[in-house]
Amino acid sequence: MGLSDYFKKVPEMNPDEVRNFLRQHNPEEYNLIDVRQPQEYRKYHLPGALLMPLKELRRNLADIDGSKPTIIY
């Protein structure tokens, strides 16, 4: 990952768009990443979401399948 990668525009979705995306796709077709803290994840995560706290995200990027769309919240 180069410096310029940090300045690329990333598509954003509002909650309704995410909801529609999740309804229209099989969970094996995308990555769903929850970047909150473990206690928040336990209480409020979306079904199928993988916990990857924001502080750990960079360290765990290799665990994310880059060939699939990724939704991070």
N, C-alpha and C. Protein backbone atom coordinates (compact mmCIF):
# COMPACT_ATOMS: atom_id res chain seq x y z
N MET A 1 0.85 -1.17 0.00
CA MET A 1 0.00 0.00 0.00
C MET A 1 0.90 1.23 0.00
N GLY A 2 0.71 2.07 -1.00
CA GLY A 2 1.51 3.28 -1.09
C GLY A 2 0.80 4.48 -0.50
N LEU A 3 1.53 5.57 -0.37
CA LEU A 3 0.99 6.79 0.20
C LEU A 3 -0.25 7.26 -0.56
N SER A 4 -0.24 7.15 -1.86
CA SER A 4 -1.38 7.62 -2.66
C SER A 4 -2.66 6.83 -2.37
N ASP A 5 -2.54 5.61 -1.88
CA ASP A 5 -3.72 4.81 -1.54
C ASP A 5 -4.55 5.45 -0.43
N TYR A 6 -3.91 6.24 0.41
CA TYR A 6 -4.62 6.88 1.51
C TYR A 6 -5.48 8.05 1.05
N PHE A 7 -5.30 8.48 -0.19
CA PHE A 7 -6.02 9.64 -0.70
C PHE A 7 -7.04 9.29 -1.77
N LYS A 8 -7.26 8.03 -2.01
CA LYS A 8 -8.26 7.60 -2.99
C LYS A 8 -9.65 7.76 -2.39
N LYS A 9 -10.57 8.26 -3.21
CA LYS A 9 -11.95 8.38 -2.76
C LYS A 9 -12.55 6.99 -2.61
N VAL A 10 -13.23 6.79 -1.52
CA VAL A 10 -13.87 5.51 -1.22
C VAL A 10 -15.37 5.70 -1.34
N PRO A 11 -16.05 4.82 -2.07
CA PRO A 11 -17.52 4.96 -2.16
C PRO A 11 -18.17 4.85 -0.79
N GLU A 12 -19.17 5.65 -0.59
CA GLU A 12 -19.93 5.61 0.67
C GLU A 12 -21.35 5.17 0.39
N MET A 13 -21.96 4.56 1.39
CA MET A 13 -23.36 4.13 1.29
C MET A 13 -24.08 4.62 2.53
N ASN A 14 -25.32 5.05 2.34
CA ASN A 14 -26.11 5.41 3.51
C ASN A 14 -26.75 4.13 4.06
N PRO A 15 -27.35 4.19 5.25
CA PRO A 15 -27.90 2.96 5.85
C PRO A 15 -28.92 2.24 4.96
N ASP A 16 -29.76 2.97 4.25
CA ASP A 16 -30.73 2.30 3.37
C ASP A 16 -30.04 1.57 2.22
N GLU A 17 -28.99 2.17 1.68
CA GLU A 17 -28.25 1.51 0.61
C GLU A 17 -27.55 0.25 1.11
N VAL A 18 -27.00 0.31 2.30
CA VAL A 18 -26.37 -0.89 2.88
C VAL A 18 -27.42 -1.97 3.11
N ARG A 19 -28.54 -1.58 3.68
CA ARG A 19 -29.62 -2.54 3.94
C ARG A 19 -30.04 -3.23 2.63
N ASN A 20 -30.23 -2.46 1.58
CA ASN A 20 -30.61 -3.03 0.29
C ASN A 20 -29.53 -3.94 -0.26
N PHE A 21 -28.28 -3.52 -0.15
CA PHE A 21 -27.17 -4.34 -0.62
C PHE A 21 -27.16 -5.69 0.10
N LEU A 22 -27.28 -5.66 1.41
CA LEU A 22 -27.25 -6.90 2.20
C LEU A 22 -28.41 -7.82 1.85
N ARG A 23 -29.56 -7.25 1.57
CA ARG A 23 -30.73 -8.06 1.19
C ARG A 23 -30.55 -8.71 -0.18
N GLN A 24 -29.85 -8.03 -1.07
CA GLN A 24 -29.74 -8.49 -2.46
C GLN A 24 -28.54 -9.40 -2.70
N HIS A 25 -27.68 -9.56 -1.72
CA HIS A 25 -26.47 -10.36 -1.91
C HIS A 25 -26.34 -11.46 -0.86
N ASN A 26 -25.74 -12.54 -1.27
CA ASN A 26 -25.45 -13.65 -0.38
C ASN A 26 -24.26 -13.25 0.50
N PRO A 27 -24.28 -13.56 1.80
CA PRO A 27 -23.18 -13.17 2.69
C PRO A 27 -21.79 -13.62 2.23
N GLU A 28 -21.70 -14.67 1.44
CA GLU A 28 -20.41 -15.12 0.94
C GLU A 28 -19.87 -14.21 -0.16
N GLU A 29 -20.69 -13.28 -0.64
CA GLU A 29 -20.31 -12.41 -1.75
C GLU A 29 -19.66 -11.10 -1.30
N TYR A 30 -19.60 -10.84 -0.01
CA TYR A 30 -19.06 -9.57 0.48
C TYR A 30 -18.41 -9.75 1.84
N ASN A 31 -17.61 -8.76 2.23
CA ASN A 31 -17.01 -8.70 3.57
C ASN A 31 -17.79 -7.65 4.36
N LEU A 32 -18.17 -7.99 5.56
CA LEU A 32 -18.87 -7.06 6.45
C LEU A 32 -18.03 -6.94 7.71
N ILE A 33 -17.45 -5.76 7.92
CA ILE A 33 -16.48 -5.54 8.99
C ILE A 33 -17.00 -4.51 9.98
N ASP A 34 -17.05 -4.88 11.24
CA ASP A 34 -17.46 -3.98 12.33
C ASP A 34 -16.18 -3.50 13.01
N VAL A 35 -15.92 -2.19 12.98
CA VAL A 35 -14.67 -1.66 13.52
C VAL A 35 -14.80 -1.08 14.92
N ARG A 36 -15.92 -1.34 15.56
CA ARG A 36 -16.12 -0.82 16.91
C ARG A 36 -15.40 -1.70 17.94
N GLN A 37 -15.55 -1.34 19.19
CA GLN A 37 -14.92 -2.08 20.28
C GLN A 37 -15.70 -3.37 20.58
N PRO A 38 -15.05 -4.38 21.16
CA PRO A 38 -15.72 -5.66 21.42
C PRO A 38 -17.03 -5.55 22.17
N GLN A 39 -17.13 -4.69 23.18
CA GLN A 39 -18.37 -4.59 23.94
C GLN A 39 -19.51 -4.03 23.06
N GLU A 40 -19.20 -3.12 22.15
CA GLU A 40 -20.20 -2.60 21.23
C GLU A 40 -20.61 -3.67 20.23
N TYR A 41 -19.64 -4.42 19.75
CA TYR A 41 -19.91 -5.51 18.81
C TYR A 41 -20.85 -6.53 19.43
N ARG A 42 -20.59 -6.93 20.66
CA ARG A 42 -21.43 -7.93 21.33
C ARG A 42 -22.88 -7.46 21.42
N LYS A 43 -23.08 -6.17 21.63
CA LYS A 43 -24.44 -5.66 21.81
C LYS A 43 -25.16 -5.34 20.50
N TYR A 44 -24.42 -4.88 19.48
CA TYR A 44 -25.10 -4.26 18.34
C TYR A 44 -24.66 -4.70 16.95
N HIS A 45 -23.83 -5.71 16.77
CA HIS A 45 -23.32 -6.01 15.43
C HIS A 45 -24.39 -6.56 14.49
N LEU A 46 -24.15 -6.35 13.21
CA LEU A 46 -25.01 -6.91 12.19
C LEU A 46 -24.69 -8.40 12.05
N PRO A 47 -25.69 -9.23 11.80
CA PRO A 47 -25.42 -10.66 11.62
C PRO A 47 -24.39 -10.90 10.52
N GLY A 48 -23.41 -11.72 10.82
CA GLY A 48 -22.38 -12.06 9.85
C GLY A 48 -21.19 -11.12 9.84
N ALA A 49 -21.25 -10.04 10.62
CA ALA A 49 -20.14 -9.08 10.65
C ALA A 49 -18.94 -9.66 11.40
N LEU A 50 -17.78 -9.35 10.89
CA LEU A 50 -16.52 -9.75 11.52
C LEU A 50 -16.03 -8.59 12.37
N LEU A 51 -15.70 -8.85 13.62
CA LEU A 51 -15.16 -7.81 14.49
C LEU A 51 -13.70 -7.58 14.14
N MET A 52 -13.38 -6.32 13.83
CA MET A 52 -12.01 -5.92 13.54
C MET A 52 -11.87 -4.47 14.01
N PRO A 53 -11.64 -4.27 15.33
CA PRO A 53 -11.56 -2.91 15.86
C PRO A 53 -10.65 -2.02 15.02
N LEU A 54 -11.03 -0.78 14.91
CA LEU A 54 -10.33 0.17 14.05
C LEU A 54 -8.82 0.17 14.29
N LYS A 55 -8.40 0.07 15.54
CA LYS A 55 -6.97 0.05 15.86
C LYS A 55 -6.26 -1.16 15.24
N GLU A 56 -7.01 -2.23 14.98
CA GLU A 56 -6.43 -3.47 14.45
C GLU A 56 -6.64 -3.62 12.95
N LEU A 57 -7.39 -2.73 12.35
CA LEU A 57 -7.77 -2.87 10.95
C LEU A 57 -6.55 -2.99 10.03
N ARG A 58 -5.63 -2.08 10.14
CA ARG A 58 -4.46 -2.12 9.26
C ARG A 58 -3.68 -3.42 9.41
N ARG A 59 -3.53 -3.87 10.63
CA ARG A 59 -2.78 -5.11 10.91
C ARG A 59 -3.48 -6.33 10.32
N ASN A 60 -4.81 -6.26 10.18
CA ASN A 60 -5.59 -7.41 9.73
C ASN A 60 -6.08 -7.31 8.29
N LEU A 61 -5.59 -6.35 7.53
CA LEU A 61 -6.05 -6.18 6.15
C LEU A 61 -5.87 -7.44 5.31
N ALA A 62 -4.84 -8.20 5.58
CA ALA A 62 -4.60 -9.42 4.81
C ALA A 62 -5.70 -10.46 5.01
N ASP A 63 -6.47 -10.33 6.10
CA ASP A 63 -7.56 -11.28 6.37
C ASP A 63 -8.83 -10.96 5.61
N ILE A 64 -8.85 -9.82 4.92
CA ILE A 64 -10.03 -9.40 4.17
C ILE A 64 -9.86 -9.81 2.71
N ASP A 65 -10.84 -10.50 2.16
CA ASP A 65 -10.80 -10.93 0.78
C ASP A 65 -11.00 -9.72 -0.13
N GLY A 66 -9.92 -9.28 -0.75
CA GLY A 66 -9.96 -8.09 -1.60
C GLY A 66 -10.71 -8.26 -2.90
N SER A 67 -11.11 -9.47 -3.23
CA SER A 67 -11.87 -9.68 -4.46
C SER A 67 -13.37 -9.45 -4.26
N LYS A 68 -13.77 -9.23 -3.00
CA LYS A 68 -15.19 -9.01 -2.68
C LYS A 68 -15.41 -7.56 -2.26
N PRO A 69 -16.62 -7.04 -2.48
CA PRO A 69 -16.94 -5.73 -1.92
C PRO A 69 -16.83 -5.81 -0.39
N THR A 70 -16.39 -4.72 0.22
CA THR A 70 -16.24 -4.69 1.67
C THR A 70 -17.02 -3.52 2.23
N ILE A 71 -17.84 -3.82 3.21
CA ILE A 71 -18.59 -2.80 3.93
C ILE A 71 -18.00 -2.73 5.33
N ILE A 72 -17.54 -1.54 5.68
CA ILE A 72 -16.95 -1.32 7.01
C ILE A 72 -17.81 -0.32 7.75
N TYR A 73 -18.18 -0.69 8.96
CA TYR A 73 -18.98 0.25 9.77
C TYR A 73 -18.49 0.24 11.19
